[in-house]
Each structure stands twice: as C-alpha cells, then as structure tokens.
PDB file of N, CA and C in Angstrom:
ATOM      1  N   MET A   1     -13.277  -1.579   7.454  1.00  0.00           N
ATOM      2  CA  MET A   1     -12.232  -0.772   6.867  1.00  0.00           C
ATOM      3  C   MET A   1     -12.779   0.628   6.656  1.00  0.00           C
ATOM      4  N   VAL A   2     -11.959   1.604   6.958  1.00  0.00           N
ATOM      5  CA  VAL A   2     -12.363   2.996   6.876  1.00  0.00           C
ATOM      6  C   VAL A   2     -11.807   3.603   5.589  1.00  0.00           C
ATOM      7  N   LEU A   3     -12.654   4.266   4.819  1.00  0.00           N
ATOM      8  CA  LEU A   3     -12.232   4.943   3.600  1.00  0.00           C
ATOM      9  C   LEU A   3     -12.006   6.413   3.927  1.00  0.00           C
ATOM     10  N   LEU A   4     -10.760   6.882   3.729  1.00  0.00           N
ATOM     11  CA  LEU A   4     -10.387   8.250   4.074  1.00  0.00           C
ATOM     12  C   LEU A   4     -10.060   9.056   2.828  1.00  0.00           C
ATOM     13  N   GLU A   5     -10.036  10.368   2.991  1.00  0.00           N
ATOM     14  CA  GLU A   5      -9.547  11.251   1.933  1.00  0.00           C
ATOM     15  C   GLU A   5      -8.028  11.093   1.848  1.00  0.00           C
ATOM     16  N   ASN A   6      -7.430  11.588   0.759  1.00  0.00           N
ATOM     17  CA  ASN A   6      -6.006  11.378   0.524  1.00  0.00           C
ATOM     18  C   ASN A   6      -5.131  11.983   1.623  1.00  0.00           C
ATOM     19  N   GLU A   7      -5.389  13.221   2.018  1.00  0.00           N
ATOM     20  CA  GLU A   7      -4.572  13.878   3.042  1.00  0.00           C
ATOM     21  C   GLU A   7      -4.749  13.212   4.401  1.00  0.00           C
ATOM     22  N   ALA A   8      -5.967  12.847   4.726  1.00  0.00           N
ATOM     23  CA  ALA A   8      -6.226  12.172   6.000  1.00  0.00           C
ATOM     24  C   ALA A   8      -5.566  10.797   6.016  1.00  0.00           C
ATOM     25  N   PHE A   9      -5.528  10.134   4.870  1.00  0.00           N
ATOM     26  CA  PHE A   9      -4.862   8.836   4.775  1.00  0.00           C
ATOM     27  C   PHE A   9      -3.378   8.974   5.077  1.00  0.00           C
ATOM     28  N   LEU A  10      -2.744  10.004   4.531  1.00  0.00           N
ATOM     29  CA  LEU A  10      -1.310  10.196   4.757  1.00  0.00           C
ATOM     30  C   LEU A  10      -1.015  10.514   6.218  1.00  0.00           C
ATOM     31  N   THR A  11      -1.861  11.290   6.870  1.00  0.00           N
ATOM     32  CA  THR A  11      -1.624  11.584   8.286  1.00  0.00           C
ATOM     33  C   THR A  11      -1.835  10.342   9.147  1.00  0.00           C
ATOM     34  N   GLU A  12      -2.848   9.540   8.826  1.00  0.00           N
ATOM     35  CA  GLU A  12      -3.066   8.288   9.564  1.00  0.00           C
ATOM     36  C   GLU A  12      -1.932   7.299   9.315  1.00  0.00           C
ATOM     37  N   LEU A  13      -1.396   7.301   8.111  1.00  0.00           N
ATOM     38  CA  LEU A  13      -0.282   6.420   7.793  1.00  0.00           C
ATOM     39  C   LEU A  13       0.965   6.819   8.581  1.00  0.00           C
ATOM     40  N   THR A  14       1.169   8.113   8.768  1.00  0.00           N
ATOM     41  CA  THR A  14       2.281   8.589   9.597  1.00  0.00           C
ATOM     42  C   THR A  14       2.115   8.098  11.029  1.00  0.00           C
ATOM     43  N   ARG A  15       0.907   8.185  11.565  1.00  0.00           N
ATOM     44  CA  ARG A  15       0.647   7.684  12.922  1.00  0.00           C
ATOM     45  C   ARG A  15       0.872   6.177  12.996  1.00  0.00           C
ATOM     46  N   LEU A  16       0.497   5.473  11.948  1.00  0.00           N
ATOM     47  CA  LEU A  16       0.675   4.028  11.918  1.00  0.00           C
ATOM     48  C   LEU A  16       2.161   3.657  11.945  1.00  0.00           C
ATOM     49  N   PHE A  17       2.977   4.393  11.201  1.00  0.00           N
ATOM     50  CA  PHE A  17       4.416   4.148  11.217  1.00  0.00           C
ATOM     51  C   PHE A  17       5.006   4.426  12.599  1.00  0.00           C
ATOM     52  N   GLN A  18       4.517   5.460  13.280  1.00  0.00           N
ATOM     53  CA  GLN A  18       5.006   5.763  14.624  1.00  0.00           C
ATOM     54  C   GLN A  18       4.655   4.649  15.596  1.00  0.00           C
ATOM     55  N   LYS A  19       3.453   4.096  15.484  1.00  0.00           N
ATOM     56  CA  LYS A  19       3.040   2.993  16.356  1.00  0.00           C
ATOM     57  C   LYS A  19       3.842   1.723  16.079  1.00  0.00           C
ATOM     58  N   SER A  20       4.215   1.511  14.830  1.00  0.00           N
ATOM     59  CA  SER A  20       4.897   0.277  14.458  1.00  0.00           C
ATOM     60  C   SER A  20       6.367   0.277  14.854  1.00  0.00           C
ATOM     61  N   ARG A  21       6.902   1.402  15.307  1.00  0.00           N
ATOM     62  CA  ARG A  21       8.309   1.440  15.713  1.00  0.00           C
ATOM     63  C   ARG A  21       8.570   0.537  16.906  1.00  0.00           C
ATOM     64  N   SER A  22       7.631   0.478  17.836  1.00  0.00           N
ATOM     65  CA  SER A  22       7.830  -0.369  19.013  1.00  0.00           C
ATOM     66  C   SER A  22       7.585  -1.840  18.680  1.00  0.00           C
ATOM     67  N   SER A  23       6.512  -2.141  17.980  1.00  0.00           N
ATOM     68  CA  SER A  23       6.244  -3.524  17.581  1.00  0.00           C
ATOM     69  C   SER A  23       5.204  -3.539  16.475  1.00  0.00           C
ATOM     70  N   GLY A  24       5.294  -4.538  15.624  1.00  0.00           N
ATOM     71  CA  GLY A  24       4.306  -4.687  14.565  1.00  0.00           C
ATOM     72  C   GLY A  24       4.876  -4.392  13.194  1.00  0.00           C
ATOM     73  N   THR A  25       4.081  -4.710  12.187  1.00  0.00           N
ATOM     74  CA  THR A  25       4.468  -4.517  10.802  1.00  0.00           C
ATOM     75  C   THR A  25       3.357  -3.798  10.060  1.00  0.00           C
ATOM     76  N   VAL A  26       3.720  -2.766   9.319  1.00  0.00           N
ATOM     77  CA  VAL A  26       2.759  -2.043   8.489  1.00  0.00           C
ATOM     78  C   VAL A  26       2.737  -2.693   7.117  1.00  0.00           C
ATOM     79  N   SER A  27       1.550  -3.037   6.654  1.00  0.00           N
ATOM     80  CA  SER A  27       1.377  -3.646   5.341  1.00  0.00           C
ATOM     81  C   SER A  27       0.592  -2.680   4.462  1.00  0.00           C
ATOM     82  N   ILE A  28       1.135  -2.379   3.281  1.00  0.00           N
ATOM     83  CA  ILE A  28       0.494  -1.437   2.361  1.00  0.00           C
ATOM     84  C   ILE A  28       0.276  -2.146   1.033  1.00  0.00           C
ATOM     85  N   THR A  29      -0.936  -2.051   0.502  1.00  0.00           N
ATOM     86  CA  THR A  29      -1.237  -2.634  -0.802  1.00  0.00           C
ATOM     87  C   THR A  29      -1.817  -1.569  -1.710  1.00  0.00           C
ATOM     88  N   MET A  30      -1.480  -1.665  -2.986  1.00  0.00           N
ATOM     89  CA  MET A  30      -2.004  -0.754  -4.005  1.00  0.00           C
ATOM     90  C   MET A  30      -2.560  -1.605  -5.140  1.00  0.00           C
ATOM     91  N   LYS A  31      -3.708  -1.200  -5.662  1.00  0.00           N
ATOM     92  CA  LYS A  31      -4.271  -1.919  -6.797  1.00  0.00           C
ATOM     93  C   LYS A  31      -5.148  -1.008  -7.630  1.00  0.00           C
ATOM     94  N   ARG A  32      -5.380  -1.424  -8.847  1.00  0.00           N
ATOM     95  CA  ARG A  32      -6.260  -0.672  -9.748  1.00  0.00           C
ATOM     96  C   ARG A  32      -7.687  -0.839  -9.269  1.00  0.00           C
ATOM     97  N   TYR A  33      -8.434   0.261  -9.307  1.00  0.00           N
ATOM     98  CA  TYR A  33      -9.791   0.274  -8.777  1.00  0.00           C
ATOM     99  C   TYR A  33     -10.705   0.872  -9.830  1.00  0.00           C
ATOM    100  N   ASP A  34     -11.793   0.163 -10.124  1.00  0.00           N
ATOM    101  CA  ASP A  34     -12.712   0.649 -11.153  1.00  0.00           C
ATOM    102  C   ASP A  34     -13.976   1.271 -10.581  1.00  0.00           C
ATOM    103  N   GLY A  35     -14.079   1.372  -9.258  1.00  0.00           N
ATOM    104  CA  GLY A  35     -15.224   2.011  -8.642  1.00  0.00           C
ATOM    105  C   GLY A  35     -16.331   1.067  -8.238  1.00  0.00           C
ATOM    106  N   ARG A  36     -16.175  -0.208  -8.528  1.00  0.00           N
ATOM    107  CA  ARG A  36     -17.199  -1.186  -8.163  1.00  0.00           C
ATOM    108  C   ARG A  36     -16.979  -1.667  -6.738  1.00  0.00           C
ATOM    109  N   THR A  37     -18.066  -1.871  -6.034  1.00  0.00           N
ATOM    110  CA  THR A  37     -17.975  -2.421  -4.689  1.00  0.00           C
ATOM    111  C   THR A  37     -18.435  -3.867  -4.635  1.00  0.00           C
ATOM    112  N   LYS A  38     -19.037  -4.335  -5.708  1.00  0.00           N
ATOM    113  CA  LYS A  38     -19.499  -5.718  -5.797  1.00  0.00           C
ATOM    114  C   LYS A  38     -18.805  -6.385  -6.979  1.00  0.00           C
ATOM    115  N   PRO A  39     -18.587  -7.684  -6.912  1.00  0.00           N
ATOM    116  CA  PRO A  39     -17.940  -8.367  -8.035  1.00  0.00           C
ATOM    117  C   PRO A  39     -18.839  -8.423  -9.263  1.00  0.00           C
ATOM    118  N   LYS A  40     -18.203  -8.641 -10.414  1.00  0.00           N
ATOM    119  CA  LYS A  40     -18.963  -8.768 -11.662  1.00  0.00           C
ATOM    120  C   LYS A  40     -19.818 -10.024 -11.622  1.00  0.00           C
ATOM    121  N   PRO A  41     -21.062  -9.938 -12.075  1.00  0.00           N
ATOM    122  CA  PRO A  41     -21.891 -11.150 -12.111  1.00  0.00           C
ATOM    123  C   PRO A  41     -21.467 -12.063 -13.252  1.00  0.00           C
ATOM    124  N   ARG A  42     -21.639 -13.359 -13.057  1.00  0.00           N
ATOM    125  CA  ARG A  42     -21.322 -14.337 -14.099  1.00  0.00           C
ATOM    126  C   ARG A  42     -22.569 -14.573 -14.939  1.00  0.00           C
ATOM    127  N   THR A  43     -22.792 -13.715 -15.876  1.00  0.00           N
ATOM    128  CA  THR A  43     -23.959 -13.841 -16.742  1.00  0.00           C
ATOM    129  C   THR A  43     -23.507 -13.920 -18.191  1.00  0.00           C
ATOM    130  N   SER A  44     -24.458 -13.930 -19.075  1.00  0.00           N
ATOM    131  CA  SER A  44     -24.131 -14.043 -20.492  1.00  0.00           C
ATOM    132  C   SER A  44     -23.439 -12.779 -20.994  1.00  0.00           C
ATOM    133  N   LYS A  45     -22.868 -12.874 -22.195  1.00  0.00           N
ATOM    134  CA  LYS A  45     -22.133 -11.752 -22.775  1.00  0.00           C
ATOM    135  C   LYS A  45     -23.050 -10.593 -23.146  1.00  0.00           C
ATOM    136  N   SER A  46     -24.316 -10.844 -23.355  1.00  0.00           N
ATOM    137  CA  SER A  46     -25.238  -9.773 -23.731  1.00  0.00           C
ATOM    138  C   SER A  46     -25.428  -8.790 -22.581  1.00  0.00           C
ATOM    139  N   VAL A  47     -25.390  -9.273 -21.353  1.00  0.00           N
ATOM    140  CA  VAL A  47     -25.543  -8.390 -20.197  1.00  0.00           C
ATOM    141  C   VAL A  47     -24.267  -7.591 -19.981  1.00  0.00           C
ATOM    142  N   GLU A  48     -23.101  -8.210 -20.201  1.00  0.00           N
ATOM    143  CA  GLU A  48     -21.829  -7.509 -20.031  1.00  0.00           C
ATOM    144  C   GLU A  48     -21.675  -6.385 -21.038  1.00  0.00           C
ATOM    145  N   SER A  49     -22.169  -6.584 -22.239  1.00  0.00           N
ATOM    146  CA  SER A  49     -22.038  -5.547 -23.257  1.00  0.00           C
ATOM    147  C   SER A  49     -22.951  -4.355 -22.964  1.00  0.00           C
ATOM    148  N   SER A  50     -23.998  -4.544 -22.164  1.00  0.00           N
ATOM    149  CA  SER A  50     -24.887  -3.440 -21.853  1.00  0.00           C
ATOM    150  C   SER A  50     -24.304  -2.505 -20.785  1.00  0.00           C
ATOM    151  N   LEU A  51     -23.292  -2.985 -20.016  1.00  0.00           N
ATOM    152  CA  LEU A  51     -22.659  -2.131 -19.021  1.00  0.00           C
ATOM    153  C   LEU A  51     -21.778  -1.088 -19.712  1.00  0.00           C
ATOM    154  N   PRO A  52     -21.771   0.145 -19.229  1.00  0.00           N
ATOM    155  CA  PRO A  52     -20.921   1.155 -19.860  1.00  0.00           C
ATOM    156  C   PRO A  52     -19.448   0.859 -19.576  1.00  0.00           C
ATOM    157  N   PRO A  53     -18.581   1.106 -20.541  1.00  0.00           N
ATOM    158  CA  PRO A  53     -17.150   0.855 -20.320  1.00  0.00           C
ATOM    159  C   PRO A  53     -16.566   1.864 -19.331  1.00  0.00           C
ATOM    160  N   ILE A  54     -15.554   1.432 -18.623  1.00  0.00           N
ATOM    161  CA  ILE A  54     -14.911   2.307 -17.631  1.00  0.00           C
ATOM    162  C   ILE A  54     -13.932   3.204 -18.363  1.00  0.00           C
ATOM    163  N   SER A  55     -14.109   4.505 -18.230  1.00  0.00           N
ATOM    164  CA  SER A  55     -13.270   5.444 -18.960  1.00  0.00           C
ATOM    165  C   SER A  55     -11.965   5.734 -18.228  1.00  0.00           C
ATOM    166  N   GLU A  56     -11.982   5.702 -16.889  1.00  0.00           N
ATOM    167  CA  GLU A  56     -10.791   6.064 -16.134  1.00  0.00           C
ATOM    168  C   GLU A  56     -10.710   5.214 -14.869  1.00  0.00           C
ATOM    169  N   TYR A  57      -9.577   4.571 -14.673  1.00  0.00           N
ATOM    170  CA  TYR A  57      -9.376   3.777 -13.471  1.00  0.00           C
ATOM    171  C   TYR A  57      -8.823   4.640 -12.352  1.00  0.00           C
ATOM    172  N   LYS A  58      -8.988   4.173 -11.132  1.00  0.00           N
ATOM    173  CA  LYS A  58      -8.473   4.850  -9.950  1.00  0.00           C
ATOM    174  C   LYS A  58      -7.490   3.916  -9.263  1.00  0.00           C
ATOM    175  N   CYS A  59      -6.861   4.392  -8.213  1.00  0.00           N
ATOM    176  CA  CYS A  59      -5.904   3.591  -7.470  1.00  0.00           C
ATOM    177  C   CYS A  59      -6.417   3.438  -6.040  1.00  0.00           C
ATOM    178  N   LEU A  60      -6.552   2.201  -5.578  1.00  0.00           N
ATOM    179  CA  LEU A  60      -6.993   1.912  -4.222  1.00  0.00           C
ATOM    180  C   LEU A  60      -5.766   1.549  -3.394  1.00  0.00           C
ATOM    181  N   ILE A  61      -5.577   2.245  -2.279  1.00  0.00           N
ATOM    182  CA  ILE A  61      -4.428   2.003  -1.408  1.00  0.00           C
ATOM    183  C   ILE A  61      -4.949   1.647  -0.035  1.00  0.00           C
ATOM    184  N   ARG A  62      -4.466   0.514   0.500  1.00  0.00           N
ATOM    185  CA  ARG A  62      -4.870   0.051   1.820  1.00  0.00           C
ATOM    186  C   ARG A  62      -3.647  -0.041   2.714  1.00  0.00           C
ATOM    187  N   ALA A  63      -3.828   0.262   4.004  1.00  0.00           N
ATOM    188  CA  ALA A  63      -2.759   0.125   4.997  1.00  0.00           C
ATOM    189  C   ALA A  63      -3.320  -0.604   6.211  1.00  0.00           C
ATOM    190  N   THR A  64      -2.521  -1.524   6.771  1.00  0.00           N
ATOM    191  CA  THR A  64      -2.950  -2.269   7.945  1.00  0.00           C
ATOM    192  C   THR A  64      -1.805  -2.373   8.939  1.00  0.00           C
ATOM    193  N   LEU A  65      -2.159  -2.353  10.208  1.00  0.00           N
ATOM    194  CA  LEU A  65      -1.245  -2.638  11.313  1.00  0.00           C
ATOM    195  C   LEU A  65      -2.070  -3.379  12.349  1.00  0.00           C
ATOM    196  N   GLY A  66      -1.841  -4.674  12.467  1.00  0.00           N
ATOM    197  CA  GLY A  66      -2.649  -5.472  13.380  1.00  0.00           C
ATOM    198  C   GLY A  66      -4.084  -5.528  12.887  1.00  0.00           C
ATOM    199  N   ASN A  67      -5.022  -5.061  13.713  1.00  0.00           N
ATOM    200  CA  ASN A  67      -6.422  -5.072  13.293  1.00  0.00           C
ATOM    201  C   ASN A  67      -6.904  -3.696  12.849  1.00  0.00           C
ATOM    202  N   LYS A  68      -6.016  -2.702  12.804  1.00  0.00           N
ATOM    203  CA  LYS A  68      -6.391  -1.366  12.336  1.00  0.00           C
ATOM    204  C   LYS A  68      -6.181  -1.304  10.826  1.00  0.00           C
ATOM    205  N   LYS A  69      -7.244  -0.983  10.088  1.00  0.00           N
ATOM    206  CA  LYS A  69      -7.197  -0.951   8.631  1.00  0.00           C
ATOM    207  C   LYS A  69      -7.850   0.322   8.123  1.00  0.00           C
ATOM    208  N   PHE A  70      -7.244   0.931   7.134  1.00  0.00           N
ATOM    209  CA  PHE A  70      -7.878   2.056   6.462  1.00  0.00           C
ATOM    210  C   PHE A  70      -7.372   2.131   5.034  1.00  0.00           C
ATOM    211  N   SER A  71      -8.116   2.860   4.200  1.00  0.00           N
ATOM    212  CA  SER A  71      -7.807   2.906   2.776  1.00  0.00           C
ATOM    213  C   SER A  71      -8.174   4.259   2.193  1.00  0.00           C
ATOM    214  N   THR A  72      -7.725   4.483   0.967  1.00  0.00           N
ATOM    215  CA  THR A  72      -8.072   5.685   0.220  1.00  0.00           C
ATOM    216  C   THR A  72      -8.136   5.347  -1.262  1.00  0.00           C
ATOM    217  N   VAL A  73      -8.854   6.165  -2.001  1.00  0.00           N
ATOM    218  CA  VAL A  73      -8.954   6.021  -3.450  1.00  0.00           C
ATOM    219  C   VAL A  73      -8.385   7.282  -4.075  1.00  0.00           C
ATOM    220  N   VAL A  74      -7.400   7.113  -4.960  1.00  0.00           N
ATOM    221  CA  VAL A  74      -6.734   8.243  -5.607  1.00  0.00           C
ATOM    222  C   VAL A  74      -7.202   8.307  -7.056  1.00  0.00           C
ATOM    223  N   ASN A  75      -7.698   9.465  -7.452  1.00  0.00           N
ATOM    224  CA  ASN A  75      -8.122   9.662  -8.836  1.00  0.00           C
ATOM    225  C   ASN A  75      -6.901   9.776  -9.743  1.00  0.00           C
ATOM    226  N   ALA A  76      -7.095   9.533 -11.027  1.00  0.00           N
ATOM    227  CA  ALA A  76      -5.987   9.549 -11.984  1.00  0.00           C
ATOM    228  C   ALA A  76      -5.332  10.922 -12.079  1.00  0.00           C
ATOM    229  N   LYS A  77      -6.111  11.977 -11.939  1.00  0.00           N
ATOM    230  CA  LYS A  77      -5.528  13.321 -12.050  1.00  0.00           C
ATOM    231  C   LYS A  77      -4.731  13.711 -10.807  1.00  0.00           C
ATOM    232  N   ASP A  78      -4.964  13.048  -9.678  1.00  0.00           N
ATOM    233  CA  ASP A  78      -4.266  13.377  -8.435  1.00  0.00           C
ATOM    234  C   ASP A  78      -3.114  12.435  -8.119  1.00  0.00           C
ATOM    235  N   VAL A  79      -2.799  11.515  -9.014  1.00  0.00           N
ATOM    236  CA  VAL A  79      -1.793  10.494  -8.716  1.00  0.00           C
ATOM    237  C   VAL A  79      -0.411  11.116  -8.496  1.00  0.00           C
ATOM    238  N   ASN A  80       0.006  12.058  -9.334  1.00  0.00           N
ATOM    239  CA  ASN A  80       1.346  12.641  -9.200  1.00  0.00           C
ATOM    240  C   ASN A  80       1.514  13.371  -7.872  1.00  0.00           C
ATOM    241  N   LYS A  81       0.539  14.150  -7.495  1.00  0.00           N
ATOM    242  CA  LYS A  81       0.595  14.887  -6.230  1.00  0.00           C
ATOM    243  C   LYS A  81       0.629  13.928  -5.041  1.00  0.00           C
ATOM    244  N   PHE A  82      -0.224  12.917  -5.080  1.00  0.00           N
ATOM    245  CA  PHE A  82      -0.274  11.945  -3.991  1.00  0.00           C
ATOM    246  C   PHE A  82       1.017  11.143  -3.923  1.00  0.00           C
ATOM    247  N   GLN A  83       1.556  10.757  -5.078  1.00  0.00           N
ATOM    248  CA  GLN A  83       2.766   9.942  -5.105  1.00  0.00           C
ATOM    249  C   GLN A  83       3.953  10.691  -4.512  1.00  0.00           C
ATOM    250  N   LEU A  84       4.062  11.993  -4.760  1.00  0.00           N
ATOM    251  CA  LEU A  84       5.147  12.783  -4.172  1.00  0.00           C
ATOM    252  C   LEU A  84       5.021  12.845  -2.652  1.00  0.00           C
ATOM    253  N   ALA A  85       3.820  13.088  -2.166  1.00  0.00           N
ATOM    254  CA  ALA A  85       3.605  13.147  -0.721  1.00  0.00           C
ATOM    255  C   ALA A  85       3.838  11.787  -0.080  1.00  0.00           C
ATOM    256  N   TYR A  86       3.417  10.730  -0.745  1.00  0.00           N
ATOM    257  CA  TYR A  86       3.579   9.369  -0.243  1.00  0.00           C
ATOM    258  C   TYR A  86       5.064   8.985  -0.192  1.00  0.00           C
ATOM    259  N   ALA A  87       5.813   9.346  -1.230  1.00  0.00           N
ATOM    260  CA  ALA A  87       7.248   9.043  -1.265  1.00  0.00           C
ATOM    261  C   ALA A  87       7.989   9.778  -0.157  1.00  0.00           C
ATOM    262  N   ASN A  88       7.645  11.028   0.088  1.00  0.00           N
ATOM    263  CA  ASN A  88       8.283  11.786   1.175  1.00  0.00           C
ATOM    264  C   ASN A  88       7.965  11.162   2.529  1.00  0.00           C
ATOM    265  N   LEU A  89       6.754  10.691   2.695  1.00  0.00           N
ATOM    266  CA  LEU A  89       6.361  10.039   3.941  1.00  0.00           C
ATOM    267  C   LEU A  89       7.159   8.752   4.150  1.00  0.00           C
ATOM    268  N   LEU A  90       7.323   7.964   3.103  1.00  0.00           N
ATOM    269  CA  LEU A  90       8.091   6.726   3.211  1.00  0.00           C
ATOM    270  C   LEU A  90       9.562   7.003   3.495  1.00  0.00           C
ATOM    271  N   LYS A  91      10.133   8.011   2.848  1.00  0.00           N
ATOM    272  CA  LYS A  91      11.536   8.357   3.090  1.00  0.00           C
ATOM    273  C   LYS A  91      11.759   8.790   4.530  1.00  0.00           C
ATOM    274  N   GLY A  92      10.812   9.508   5.078  1.00  0.00           N
ATOM    275  CA  GLY A  92      10.939   9.983   6.456  1.00  0.00           C
ATOM    276  C   GLY A  92      10.792   8.878   7.485  1.00  0.00           C
ATOM    277  N   ASN A  93      10.148   7.770   7.124  1.00  0.00           N
ATOM    278  CA  ASN A  93       9.910   6.700   8.081  1.00  0.00           C
ATOM    279  C   ASN A  93      10.742   5.448   7.818  1.00  0.00           C
ATOM    280  N   MET A  94      11.709   5.521   6.943  1.00  0.00           N
ATOM    281  CA  MET A  94      12.559   4.364   6.670  1.00  0.00           C
ATOM    282  C   MET A  94      13.619   4.139   7.743  1.00  0.00           C
ATOM    283  N   ASP A  95      13.799   5.070   8.648  1.00  0.00           N
ATOM    284  CA  ASP A  95      14.836   4.923   9.663  1.00  0.00           C
ATOM    285  C   ASP A  95      14.459   3.892  10.726  1.00  0.00           C
ATOM    286  N   GLY A  96      13.234   3.454  10.755  1.00  0.00           N
ATOM    287  CA  GLY A  96      12.794   2.461  11.729  1.00  0.00           C
ATOM    288  C   GLY A  96      13.107   1.031  11.325  1.00  0.00           C
ATOM    289  N   LEU A  97      13.701   0.834  10.152  1.00  0.00           N
ATOM    290  CA  LEU A  97      14.007  -0.515   9.687  1.00  0.00           C
ATOM    291  C   LEU A  97      15.181  -1.103  10.453  1.00  0.00           C
ATOM    292  N   LYS A  98      15.179  -2.406  10.625  1.00  0.00           N
ATOM    293  CA  LYS A  98      16.270  -3.091  11.310  1.00  0.00           C
ATOM    294  C   LYS A  98      17.317  -3.510  10.289  1.00  0.00           C
ATOM    295  N   LYS A  99      18.593  -3.420  10.682  1.00  0.00           N
ATOM    296  CA  LYS A  99      19.684  -3.784   9.791  1.00  0.00           C
ATOM    297  C   LYS A  99      20.016  -5.259   9.962  1.00  0.00           C
ATOM    298  N   LYS A 100      20.418  -5.892   8.874  1.00  0.00           N
ATOM    299  CA  LYS A 100      20.797  -7.299   8.912  1.00  0.00           C
ATOM    300  C   LYS A 100      22.209  -7.427   9.462  1.00  0.00           C
ATOM    301  N   ASP A 101      22.478  -8.526  10.175  1.00  0.00           N
ATOM    302  CA  ASP A 101      23.813  -8.802  10.677  1.00  0.00           C
ATOM    303  C   ASP A 101      24.645  -9.412   9.564  1.00  0.00           C
ATOM    304  N   LYS A 102      25.856  -8.872   9.373  1.00  0.00           N
ATOM    305  CA  LYS A 102      26.753  -9.415   8.366  1.00  0.00           C
ATOM    306  C   LYS A 102      27.613 -10.491   9.032  1.00  0.00           C
ATOM    307  N   LYS A 103      27.658 -11.674   8.431  1.00  0.00           N
ATOM    308  CA  LYS A 103      28.415 -12.795   8.986  1.00  0.00           C
ATOM    309  C   LYS A 103      29.678 -12.998   8.160  1.00  0.00           C
ATOM    310  N   LYS A 104      30.751 -13.341   8.833  1.00  0.00           N
ATOM    311  CA  LYS A 104      32.017 -13.592   8.162  1.00  0.00           C
ATOM    312  C   LYS A 104      32.064 -15.049   7.725  1.00  0.00           C
ATOM    313  N   VAL A 105      31.800 -15.290   6.457  1.00  0.00           N
ATOM    314  CA  VAL A 105      31.752 -16.645   5.931  1.00  0.00           C
ATOM    315  C   VAL A 105      33.125 -17.060   5.410  1.00  0.00           C
ATOM    316  N   GLY A 106      33.908 -16.146   4.864  1.00  0.00           N
ATOM    317  CA  GLY A 106      35.182 -16.455   4.215  1.00  0.00           C
ATOM    318  C   GLY A 106      36.231 -16.994   5.160  1.00  0.00           C
ATOM    319  N   THR A 107      36.317 -16.557   6.399  1.00  0.00           N
ATOM    320  CA  THR A 107      37.367 -16.983   7.305  1.00  0.00           C
ATOM    321  C   THR A 107      37.171 -18.415   7.797  1.00  0.00           C
ATOM    322  N   SER A 108      35.958 -18.869   7.960  1.00  0.00           N
ATOM    323  CA  SER A 108      35.720 -20.231   8.453  1.00  0.00           C
ATOM    324  C   SER A 108      36.032 -21.286   7.393  1.00  0.00           C
ATOM    325  N   THR A 109      35.864 -20.994   6.128  1.00  0.00           N
ATOM    326  CA  THR A 109      36.154 -21.971   5.087  1.00  0.00           C
ATOM    327  C   THR A 109      37.657 -22.104   4.850  1.00  0.00           C
ATOM    328  N   LYS A 110      38.415 -21.040   5.028  1.00  0.00           N
ATOM    329  CA  LYS A 110      39.862 -21.098   4.839  1.00  0.00           C
ATOM    330  C   LYS A 110      40.524 -21.862   5.972  1.00  0.00           C
ATOM    331  N   ALA A 111      40.002 -21.812   7.161  1.00  0.00           N
ATOM    332  CA  ALA A 111      40.595 -22.491   8.307  1.00  0.00           C
ATOM    333  C   ALA A 111      40.469 -24.005   8.192  1.00  0.00           C
ATOM    334  N   THR A 112      39.470 -24.504   7.519  1.00  0.00           N
ATOM    335  CA  THR A 112      39.275 -25.952   7.409  1.00  0.00           C
ATOM    336  C   THR A 112      40.152 -26.573   6.334  1.00  0.00           C
ATOM    337  N   GLN A 113      40.713 -25.805   5.432  1.00  0.00           N
ATOM    338  CA  GLN A 113      41.518 -26.358   4.340  1.00  0.00           C
ATOM    339  C   GLN A 113      42.910 -26.625   4.738  1.00  0.00           C
TER     340      GLN A 113
END
C-alpha cells in the first residue's frame, strides 16, 4: 500500500474513479489513526501507563480498485480543507453510478383478484 500526501491522494482517487467507469468497484475506508504502525502489546497495566497519551488523533483514508491500493493520513487541523475537496471530488464522480430498474408491482396484483 502506498502512503500519499493529501493532494496526491485526491488526484489518484480521481484517476481511480475514471478507471472504474468501465469496470470495477472503488472501495474507500476511513478510520481514526493514532500514528502507530504496530499493534499494542498485551502486557501488564504498568507498561501501558508508561506510554505517553495520544494528544491528537488523525484520519486514515484508504482507497482500493482491484489490486491497486493507496492511502493518506489527514491531520486534525487539515480535516475541513480535505473534506471540502473530497466532497467535491465525490460529487463530480457520482454520475458513473447505475440506476435501478423500477418494476410495476401494483398492476400484477390487481389482475389476479
């Protein structure tokens, strides 16, 4: 998985949406990120208390299409700016969605009565 800067992530995400128009599904996940790359060890409480508390969480965003994966980490102070750019990107790429077929259910039930 490739870790990109915020602007580079948005441009790659735009390319990913363009590729997915012909075939495939783009999957995006967001989660709280504390900066750790390894899981917490299962040790006694005395060791956990010696770790410094996390003062500010970040946001980890991942995008995948097939086997292509990339991610970015957004700091708390940059969330509003990133969220506006991300929302505009999603609005611009929503036209590739497929519409559901509407079925006429009411006429078939009246004919049988």
